[in-house]
Amino acid sequence: MIISNGSDGNGSVWTTAEMLMLYHLKIAQKTHKEIALIMGDKINNRDYTENLIHKKWQQTDWVKFLKDNDDKEASAQTSQELETEKQKIVESTLENQGRLVKREQARTDLIIDNMKSAIYRLPKPNLSDLHYVPKNQSKYSEEHAAVVLSDMHLGASFTKEETGGLSEYNLEIAKERMSILRDTVLDIVERHRHVYDIPVLHIFCLGDIVAGMRGVGAWSNSYIDLDIYDQMIAGEALLRDTLAVWAKAFKEVRFYGVLGNHGKCSRRGEQKDYANWDKVCYEFLKVSMSNYENIKWNTPKAWFLQERILNHNFYLTHGDGIQGSMGVPYYGVERAERLILGLMQDKPDYLLLGHFHSPAELQTNSGRIIINGSFLGGDLFSLKDLRRRGRPEQKMFGIHAKTGVTWNYNIQLGEE
């Protein structure tokens, strides 16, 4: 608060003489203590203290006071002196800030110097202990390779016009994707053979080789352009040509085939489960490749099979009995694994599934669930009803006797 009259803020009025004396003493650069001593005689019974002098000087509008007392020269001089005092305060503040910055910089430099000194005092590494000597391995350790085949849906057909440009599929596209899978598997194996001996290829075929018969399932007949017999023959031919190439690249090929839901020959309950076109395809395949002595077959009539490979149990099933919605039913898959563990005397380490057209892996308390992709990618059902567009992919992984599944790949079969 600026006081322009003689009041000192406490109700006591200063005389003009007192005010002028204070002003001229201050202009003479006297300190507040000196001014209090000079004005020490109790004028008007007032005790002049440093605090009182300071408050009076700060609270008075000196320019107005001098104007009111007809001292224009002193008023102008006071204005200039007040501005000078403000400038001094600004300069002092900047100077203090500069000192603070320099002090913090000095502290930072000191910390850096101490850190450098501590690092330099660390003991130097013994290079002889760190020298790498490559192991002279006369024989590489062994691994097996495994590829998962499922959900080819041969006979299914839809165009980009029908899917709004999102996806397309037909028998020719399926053949192209099978050739990509065949060659990519060999490329991956050749890379890993620089590290491991890979004598065996396991082919886990999880069903739905065919798109299915008309009228026996919930799928649409409008998007199937091959009769079921032609679907089966096309599947057998694709698998035969691919296995023939792989059989030359490995000492042994082991084929495991379970049934999918699209291959059933009738509505549910009218025939036995193994009355299935996937099963017919596997049997045709075995007969047509009977001269390949290094191919072993396991194609049961049951909806599942379990095989022990390099000390680890692999449980294979298509997965259509697992309920879920809007894509992969993670909770349903984990629940199914727990129930399977309760059924099997020899507990599975890995559960392999197809059916869901969306590759995934789930780590559980008892092992790992591996879900394969499909050849189709996005189809009419997934695009329209689920609003999901997956890529056409199939899984491949390595199996080691100590660690089980090691390296793994999602092999992409197309641009979608």
Protein backbone atom coordinates (compact mmCIF):
# COMPACT_ATOMS: atom_id res chain seq x y z
CA MET A 1 0.00 0.00 0.00
CA ILE A 2 1.42 3.44 -1.03
CA ILE A 3 0.71 6.25 1.43
CA SER A 4 0.90 9.76 -0.01
CA ASN A 5 -0.05 11.68 3.15
CA GLY A 6 1.99 11.87 6.30
CA SER A 7 0.48 8.82 7.96
CA ASP A 8 2.94 6.09 8.95
CA GLY A 9 0.32 3.33 8.52
CA ASN A 10 -0.46 3.21 12.21
CA GLY A 11 -2.63 6.35 12.39
CA SER A 12 0.25 8.71 13.33
CA VAL A 13 0.70 11.61 10.87
CA TRP A 14 4.16 12.83 9.91
CA THR A 15 4.71 16.52 9.40
CA THR A 16 5.93 17.94 6.12
CA ALA A 17 9.24 18.79 7.82
CA GLU A 18 9.70 15.18 8.93
CA MET A 19 8.89 13.92 5.46
CA LEU A 20 11.31 16.34 3.78
CA MET A 21 14.04 15.44 6.27
CA LEU A 22 13.55 11.75 5.59
CA TYR A 23 13.61 12.38 1.86
CA HIS A 24 16.82 14.43 1.83
CA LEU A 25 18.61 12.04 4.18
CA LYS A 26 17.66 9.12 1.98
CA ILE A 27 18.82 10.99 -1.14
CA ALA A 28 22.08 11.62 0.67
CA GLN A 29 22.42 7.83 0.76
CA LYS A 30 22.14 7.54 4.48
CA THR A 31 21.21 4.13 5.83
CA HIS A 32 17.99 3.57 7.70
CA LYS A 33 19.97 3.17 10.90
CA GLU A 34 21.79 6.48 10.33
CA ILE A 35 18.53 8.26 9.50
CA ALA A 36 16.95 6.92 12.69
CA LEU A 37 19.89 8.26 14.73
CA ILE A 38 19.79 11.68 13.00
CA MET A 39 16.05 11.97 13.54
CA GLY A 40 16.50 10.46 17.00
CA ASP A 41 15.23 13.44 18.90
CA LYS A 42 11.65 12.64 19.70
CA ILE A 43 9.96 14.94 17.26
CA ASN A 44 6.27 14.92 18.02
CA ASN A 45 7.03 12.27 20.65
CA ARG A 46 7.85 9.71 17.95
CA ASP A 47 10.48 6.97 18.32
CA TYR A 48 12.42 6.68 15.07
CA THR A 49 13.55 3.12 14.46
CA GLU A 50 15.11 1.40 11.42
CA ASN A 51 11.88 -0.49 10.81
CA LEU A 52 9.80 2.69 11.00
CA ILE A 53 12.14 4.53 8.60
CA HIS A 54 12.08 1.57 6.17
CA LYS A 55 8.26 1.29 6.22
CA LYS A 56 7.81 5.03 5.77
CA TRP A 57 10.17 5.16 2.79
CA GLN A 58 8.57 2.15 1.10
CA GLN A 59 4.96 3.19 1.69
CA THR A 60 5.23 6.81 0.54
CA ASP A 61 4.47 7.97 -3.01
CA TRP A 62 7.35 10.48 -3.06
CA VAL A 63 6.56 11.80 -6.53
CA LYS A 64 3.07 12.78 -5.42
CA PHE A 65 4.36 14.10 -2.08
CA LEU A 66 6.87 16.42 -3.72
CA LYS A 67 4.33 17.61 -6.28
CA ASP A 68 1.87 18.37 -3.50
CA ASN A 69 4.57 20.41 -1.79
CA ASP A 70 5.54 22.37 -4.97
CA ASP A 71 8.99 20.82 -5.29
CA LYS A 72 8.94 19.89 -9.00
CA GLU A 73 12.67 19.55 -9.30
CA ALA A 74 12.78 17.22 -6.35
CA SER A 75 9.76 15.32 -7.75
CA ALA A 76 11.50 14.65 -11.08
CA GLN A 77 14.66 13.73 -9.29
CA THR A 78 12.76 11.33 -7.08
CA SER A 79 11.13 9.61 -10.05
CA GLN A 80 14.51 9.09 -11.63
CA GLU A 81 16.02 7.83 -8.40
CA LEU A 82 13.15 5.38 -7.90
CA GLU A 83 13.67 4.01 -11.42
CA THR A 84 17.39 3.73 -10.71
CA GLU A 85 16.63 1.83 -7.53
CA LYS A 86 14.35 -0.57 -9.45
CA GLN A 87 17.10 -1.13 -12.02
CA LYS A 88 19.55 -1.90 -9.23
CA ILE A 89 17.14 -4.48 -7.83
CA VAL A 90 16.78 -6.13 -11.26
CA GLU A 91 20.55 -6.17 -11.76
CA SER A 92 21.05 -7.59 -8.30
CA THR A 93 18.50 -10.34 -8.99
CA LEU A 94 20.18 -11.28 -12.26
CA GLU A 95 23.55 -11.29 -10.55
CA ASN A 96 22.20 -13.64 -7.87
CA GLN A 97 20.75 -15.94 -10.52
CA GLY A 98 24.09 -16.01 -12.31
CA ARG A 99 25.81 -16.99 -9.09
CA LEU A 100 23.27 -19.79 -8.53
CA VAL A 101 23.80 -21.14 -12.05
CA LYS A 102 27.57 -21.09 -11.59
CA ARG A 103 27.22 -22.84 -8.25
CA GLU A 104 25.02 -25.61 -9.71
CA GLN A 105 27.40 -26.02 -12.65
CA ALA A 106 30.28 -26.37 -10.22
CA ARG A 107 28.37 -29.03 -8.30
CA THR A 108 27.60 -30.92 -11.53
CA ASP A 109 31.23 -30.78 -12.62
CA LEU A 110 32.28 -32.08 -9.21
CA ILE A 111 29.86 -35.03 -9.44
CA ILE A 112 31.10 -35.87 -12.95
CA ASP A 113 34.71 -35.69 -11.82
CA ASN A 114 33.96 -38.00 -8.87
CA MET A 115 32.19 -40.50 -11.15
CA LYS A 116 35.11 -40.50 -13.60
CA SER A 117 37.54 -40.98 -10.74
CA ALA A 118 35.51 -43.91 -9.38
CA ILE A 119 35.39 -45.55 -12.84
CA TYR A 120 39.14 -45.13 -13.32
CA ARG A 121 39.76 -46.77 -9.93
CA LEU A 122 37.80 -49.91 -10.90
CA PRO A 123 40.02 -52.98 -11.39
CA LYS A 124 40.82 -53.65 -15.02
CA PRO A 125 39.27 -56.83 -16.54
CA ASN A 126 41.51 -59.82 -16.96
CA LEU A 127 41.49 -60.29 -20.72
CA SER A 128 42.76 -63.84 -20.41
CA ASP A 129 39.60 -64.76 -18.47
CA LEU A 130 37.41 -63.10 -21.10
CA HIS A 131 39.05 -64.70 -24.09
CA TYR A 132 36.52 -66.75 -26.08
CA VAL A 133 37.59 -70.17 -27.22
CA PRO A 134 35.10 -71.80 -29.64
CA LYS A 135 33.98 -75.27 -28.67
CA ASN A 136 35.29 -77.99 -30.89
CA GLN A 137 32.09 -79.88 -31.52
CA SER A 138 32.61 -83.03 -33.48
CA LYS A 139 28.82 -83.59 -33.56
CA TYR A 140 25.98 -81.11 -33.32
CA SER A 141 23.16 -81.72 -30.84
CA GLU A 142 19.93 -83.00 -32.32
CA GLU A 143 16.63 -81.25 -32.81
CA HIS A 144 13.50 -82.17 -34.71
CA ALA A 145 11.48 -79.82 -36.88
CA ALA A 146 7.69 -79.68 -36.81
CA VAL A 147 5.17 -78.03 -39.11
CA VAL A 148 1.46 -77.67 -38.35
CA LEU A 149 -0.99 -78.09 -41.24
CA SER A 150 -4.67 -77.29 -40.86
CA ASP A 151 -7.72 -75.50 -42.20
CA MET A 152 -6.91 -75.63 -45.91
CA HIS A 153 -10.64 -75.70 -46.77
CA LEU A 154 -10.02 -76.85 -50.32
CA GLY A 155 -13.12 -76.22 -52.41
CA ALA A 156 -13.97 -72.97 -50.69
CA SER A 157 -14.19 -70.10 -53.16
CA PHE A 158 -14.91 -66.38 -52.83
CA THR A 159 -13.78 -63.36 -54.79
CA LYS A 160 -12.62 -59.87 -53.87
CA GLU A 161 -15.85 -58.51 -55.33
CA GLU A 162 -17.80 -60.62 -52.84
CA THR A 163 -15.67 -59.46 -49.89
CA GLY A 164 -15.41 -55.81 -50.89
CA GLY A 165 -11.76 -56.21 -51.88
CA LEU A 166 -10.72 -57.59 -48.48
CA SER A 167 -9.91 -61.18 -49.39
CA GLU A 168 -10.19 -63.95 -51.98
CA TYR A 169 -9.62 -67.71 -52.08
CA ASN A 170 -9.88 -70.63 -54.47
CA LEU A 171 -8.03 -73.83 -55.34
CA GLU A 172 -5.29 -72.05 -57.34
CA ILE A 173 -4.56 -69.70 -54.46
CA ALA A 174 -4.41 -72.72 -52.11
CA LYS A 175 -1.82 -74.35 -54.39
CA GLU A 176 0.32 -71.19 -54.42
CA ARG A 177 0.20 -70.99 -50.63
CA MET A 178 1.13 -74.64 -50.26
CA SER A 179 4.19 -74.10 -52.45
CA ILE A 180 5.19 -71.12 -50.27
CA LEU A 181 4.84 -73.28 -47.16
CA ARG A 182 6.82 -76.16 -48.73
CA ASP A 183 9.78 -73.97 -49.72
CA THR A 184 9.79 -71.84 -46.55
CA VAL A 185 9.96 -74.91 -44.32
CA LEU A 186 13.07 -76.06 -46.18
CA ASP A 187 14.66 -72.60 -46.01
CA ILE A 188 14.12 -72.40 -42.24
CA VAL A 189 15.50 -75.89 -41.67
CA GLU A 190 18.63 -75.11 -43.67
CA ARG A 191 19.32 -72.07 -41.47
CA HIS A 192 18.93 -74.06 -38.26
CA ARG A 193 21.06 -76.90 -39.52
CA HIS A 194 24.05 -74.60 -39.06
CA VAL A 195 23.44 -75.06 -35.33
CA TYR A 196 21.62 -78.37 -34.95
CA ASP A 197 21.37 -81.72 -36.61
CA ILE A 198 17.73 -81.94 -37.77
CA PRO A 199 17.09 -85.48 -39.09
CA VAL A 200 13.30 -85.68 -38.50
CA LEU A 201 10.31 -83.62 -39.65
CA HIS A 202 7.00 -84.00 -37.81
CA ILE A 203 3.86 -83.01 -39.73
CA PHE A 204 0.93 -82.28 -37.42
CA CYS A 205 -2.13 -82.26 -39.69
CA LEU A 206 -5.09 -80.99 -37.64
CA GLY A 207 -7.94 -81.43 -40.12
CA ASP A 208 -10.28 -79.38 -42.28
CA ILE A 209 -8.36 -80.29 -45.42
CA VAL A 210 -11.68 -80.05 -47.27
CA ALA A 211 -14.28 -77.26 -47.22
CA GLY A 212 -17.06 -79.77 -46.59
CA MET A 213 -20.17 -81.35 -48.01
CA ARG A 214 -23.26 -79.36 -48.77
CA GLY A 215 -25.99 -79.59 -46.16
CA VAL A 216 -24.08 -81.29 -43.34
CA GLY A 217 -22.66 -78.26 -41.52
CA ALA A 218 -23.29 -74.63 -40.65
CA TRP A 219 -21.04 -73.37 -43.47
CA SER A 220 -22.54 -71.75 -46.55
CA ASN A 221 -22.85 -73.92 -49.67
CA SER A 222 -22.84 -70.82 -51.86
CA TYR A 223 -19.09 -70.39 -51.45
CA ILE A 224 -18.02 -73.98 -52.26
CA ASP A 225 -17.22 -74.62 -55.92
CA LEU A 226 -16.01 -78.26 -55.74
CA ASP A 227 -17.86 -81.43 -54.87
CA ILE A 228 -16.58 -83.22 -51.78
CA TYR A 229 -14.81 -85.97 -53.76
CA ASP A 230 -12.89 -83.39 -55.79
CA GLN A 231 -12.02 -81.52 -52.60
CA MET A 232 -10.54 -84.69 -51.11
CA ILE A 233 -8.60 -85.56 -54.28
CA ALA A 234 -7.19 -82.01 -54.46
CA GLY A 235 -6.12 -82.23 -50.81
CA GLU A 236 -4.46 -85.60 -51.29
CA ALA A 237 -2.56 -84.32 -54.35
CA LEU A 238 -1.32 -81.17 -52.57
CA LEU A 239 -0.19 -83.11 -49.50
CA ARG A 240 1.43 -85.87 -51.63
CA ASP A 241 3.48 -83.44 -53.71
CA THR A 242 4.62 -81.52 -50.63
CA LEU A 243 5.53 -84.61 -48.60
CA ALA A 244 7.47 -86.00 -51.55
CA VAL A 245 9.76 -82.94 -51.45
CA TRP A 246 10.11 -82.95 -47.67
CA ALA A 247 10.85 -86.67 -47.60
CA LYS A 248 13.99 -86.02 -49.66
CA ALA A 249 15.21 -83.35 -47.20
CA PHE A 250 14.95 -85.45 -44.01
CA LYS A 251 16.05 -88.87 -42.88
CA GLU A 252 12.56 -89.44 -41.54
CA VAL A 253 9.16 -87.79 -41.89
CA ARG A 254 6.37 -88.56 -39.42
CA PHE A 255 2.81 -87.66 -40.39
CA TYR A 256 0.05 -87.30 -37.79
CA GLY A 257 -3.51 -86.70 -38.98
CA VAL A 258 -6.61 -85.89 -36.91
CA LEU A 259 -10.08 -85.09 -38.16
CA GLY A 260 -11.67 -81.66 -38.63
CA ASN A 261 -15.33 -80.76 -38.46
CA HIS A 262 -15.66 -79.68 -42.13
CA GLY A 263 -14.84 -83.18 -43.38
CA LYS A 264 -17.75 -85.01 -41.73
CA CYS A 265 -19.92 -87.10 -44.04
CA SER A 266 -23.27 -86.45 -42.35
CA ARG A 267 -24.96 -84.35 -39.75
CA ARG A 268 -23.78 -84.85 -36.21
CA GLY A 269 -24.74 -88.22 -34.74
CA GLU A 270 -25.87 -89.88 -37.97
CA GLN A 271 -22.48 -91.52 -38.65
CA LYS A 272 -19.40 -92.36 -36.63
CA ASP A 273 -16.97 -89.48 -36.17
CA TYR A 274 -14.30 -91.10 -38.33
CA ALA A 275 -16.71 -91.18 -41.29
CA ASN A 276 -14.87 -88.08 -42.33
CA TRP A 277 -13.36 -86.93 -45.64
CA ASP A 278 -10.17 -85.83 -43.88
CA LYS A 279 -9.73 -89.46 -42.82
CA VAL A 280 -10.37 -90.63 -46.40
CA CYS A 281 -7.76 -88.11 -47.63
CA TYR A 282 -5.15 -89.42 -45.16
CA GLU A 283 -5.79 -93.05 -46.20
CA PHE A 284 -5.49 -92.19 -49.90
CA LEU A 285 -2.27 -90.33 -49.07
CA LYS A 286 -0.74 -93.31 -47.25
CA VAL A 287 -1.51 -95.66 -50.14
CA SER A 288 -0.18 -93.28 -52.80
CA MET A 289 3.09 -92.82 -50.86
CA SER A 290 3.60 -96.39 -49.69
CA ASN A 291 6.93 -96.55 -51.54
CA TYR A 292 8.41 -93.81 -49.32
CA GLU A 293 9.96 -95.93 -46.58
CA ASN A 294 11.11 -92.95 -44.50
CA ILE A 295 7.55 -91.65 -43.97
CA LYS A 296 5.75 -92.95 -40.86
CA TRP A 297 1.99 -92.56 -40.39
CA ASN A 298 -0.31 -92.06 -37.43
CA THR A 299 -3.92 -91.33 -38.45
CA PRO A 300 -6.26 -92.60 -35.72
CA LYS A 301 -10.04 -92.90 -35.86
CA ALA A 302 -10.35 -90.90 -32.63
CA TRP A 303 -10.79 -87.13 -32.53
CA PHE A 304 -7.33 -86.76 -30.99
CA LEU A 305 -3.94 -88.37 -30.71
CA GLN A 306 -1.04 -87.99 -28.32
CA GLU A 307 2.57 -88.65 -29.30
CA ARG A 308 5.73 -88.55 -27.22
CA ILE A 309 8.50 -86.78 -29.14
CA LEU A 310 11.98 -86.26 -27.65
CA ASN A 311 10.73 -86.70 -24.05
CA HIS A 312 7.73 -84.38 -24.50
CA ASN A 313 4.06 -85.24 -24.98
CA PHE A 314 2.14 -83.55 -27.81
CA TYR A 315 -1.68 -83.73 -27.75
CA LEU A 316 -3.29 -83.05 -31.16
CA THR A 317 -6.95 -82.27 -31.82
CA HIS A 318 -8.83 -80.05 -34.26
CA GLY A 319 -10.51 -77.94 -31.58
CA ASP A 320 -14.09 -77.69 -32.85
CA GLY A 321 -15.46 -78.99 -29.53
CA ILE A 322 -14.18 -75.90 -27.70
CA GLN A 323 -16.84 -73.24 -27.34
CA GLY A 324 -16.11 -69.56 -27.76
CA SER A 325 -17.09 -66.39 -29.56
CA MET A 326 -15.54 -63.43 -31.39
CA GLY A 327 -12.28 -65.10 -32.35
CA VAL A 328 -10.01 -67.36 -30.30
CA PRO A 329 -11.76 -68.41 -27.03
CA TYR A 330 -8.79 -68.18 -24.68
CA TYR A 331 -10.75 -69.10 -21.58
CA GLY A 332 -12.39 -72.05 -23.35
CA VAL A 333 -9.03 -73.29 -24.63
CA GLU A 334 -7.45 -73.16 -21.16
CA ARG A 335 -10.47 -74.91 -19.66
CA ALA A 336 -10.24 -77.64 -22.32
CA GLU A 337 -6.57 -78.16 -21.48
CA ARG A 338 -7.39 -78.63 -17.79
CA LEU A 339 -10.07 -81.20 -18.64
CA ILE A 340 -7.72 -83.05 -21.00
CA LEU A 341 -5.10 -83.21 -18.24
CA GLY A 342 -7.68 -84.91 -16.06
CA LEU A 343 -8.46 -87.48 -18.78
CA MET A 344 -4.96 -88.48 -19.81
CA GLN A 345 -2.84 -90.79 -17.70
CA ASP A 346 0.31 -89.49 -19.39
CA LYS A 347 -0.06 -85.71 -19.10
CA PRO A 348 0.48 -83.67 -22.28
CA ASP A 349 3.12 -80.93 -22.34
CA TYR A 350 1.76 -79.28 -25.49
CA LEU A 351 -1.79 -78.94 -26.80
CA LEU A 352 -1.99 -78.33 -30.58
CA LEU A 353 -5.20 -76.92 -32.05
CA GLY A 354 -6.51 -75.72 -35.40
CA HIS A 355 -10.08 -74.63 -36.20
CA PHE A 356 -9.89 -70.99 -35.03
CA HIS A 357 -7.98 -69.64 -38.07
CA SER A 358 -5.96 -67.34 -35.79
CA PRO A 359 -2.43 -68.38 -34.75
CA ALA A 360 -1.68 -67.95 -31.05
CA GLU A 361 0.29 -69.41 -28.17
CA LEU A 362 -0.77 -69.58 -24.52
CA GLN A 363 1.56 -70.41 -21.64
CA THR A 364 -0.28 -72.31 -18.90
CA ASN A 365 0.62 -73.79 -15.53
CA SER A 366 1.08 -77.23 -17.07
CA GLY A 367 2.58 -76.43 -20.48
CA ARG A 368 1.81 -74.55 -23.66
CA ILE A 369 -1.17 -74.32 -26.01
CA ILE A 370 -0.28 -73.79 -29.70
CA ILE A 371 -3.06 -72.69 -32.05
CA ASN A 372 -2.51 -72.82 -35.81
CA GLY A 373 -3.67 -70.39 -38.48
CA SER A 374 -5.41 -71.20 -41.76
CA PHE A 375 -4.85 -71.16 -45.52
CA LEU A 376 -7.81 -68.84 -46.13
CA GLY A 377 -6.95 -65.77 -44.10
CA GLY A 378 -10.15 -63.74 -43.94
CA ASP A 379 -13.26 -65.56 -45.20
CA LEU A 380 -16.91 -64.57 -45.45
CA PHE A 381 -17.68 -65.65 -41.89
CA SER A 382 -14.73 -63.96 -40.19
CA LEU A 383 -15.03 -60.76 -42.21
CA LYS A 384 -18.78 -60.27 -42.03
CA ASP A 385 -19.77 -61.79 -38.68
CA LEU A 386 -16.61 -61.43 -36.57
CA ARG A 387 -15.14 -58.42 -38.42
CA ARG A 388 -11.72 -60.07 -38.26
CA ARG A 389 -9.28 -60.43 -41.13
CA GLY A 390 -6.47 -62.82 -40.32
CA ARG A 391 -3.46 -63.51 -42.51
CA PRO A 392 -3.05 -66.95 -44.08
CA GLU A 393 -0.42 -68.53 -41.82
CA GLN A 394 0.82 -71.91 -40.62
CA LYS A 395 3.09 -72.64 -37.67
CA MET A 396 6.50 -74.26 -37.57
CA PHE A 397 8.78 -74.91 -34.59
CA GLY A 398 11.75 -76.89 -33.33
CA ILE A 399 11.69 -79.62 -30.67
CA HIS A 400 14.62 -80.31 -28.35
CA ALA A 401 14.92 -83.25 -25.95
CA LYS A 402 15.71 -81.03 -22.94
CA THR A 403 13.73 -77.86 -23.56
CA GLY A 404 10.80 -79.03 -25.70
CA VAL A 405 9.59 -76.45 -28.23
CA THR A 406 12.42 -74.03 -29.03
CA TRP A 407 12.43 -71.72 -32.06
CA ASN A 408 9.11 -71.12 -33.75
CA TYR A 409 7.72 -69.28 -36.77
CA ASN A 410 4.39 -68.13 -38.13
CA ILE A 411 4.90 -68.77 -41.83
CA GLN A 412 2.97 -66.22 -43.88
CA LEU A 413 1.45 -67.72 -47.01
CA GLY A 414 0.21 -64.60 -48.77
CA GLU A 415 -0.10 -60.83 -48.79
CA GLU A 416 -3.31 -60.64 -46.75
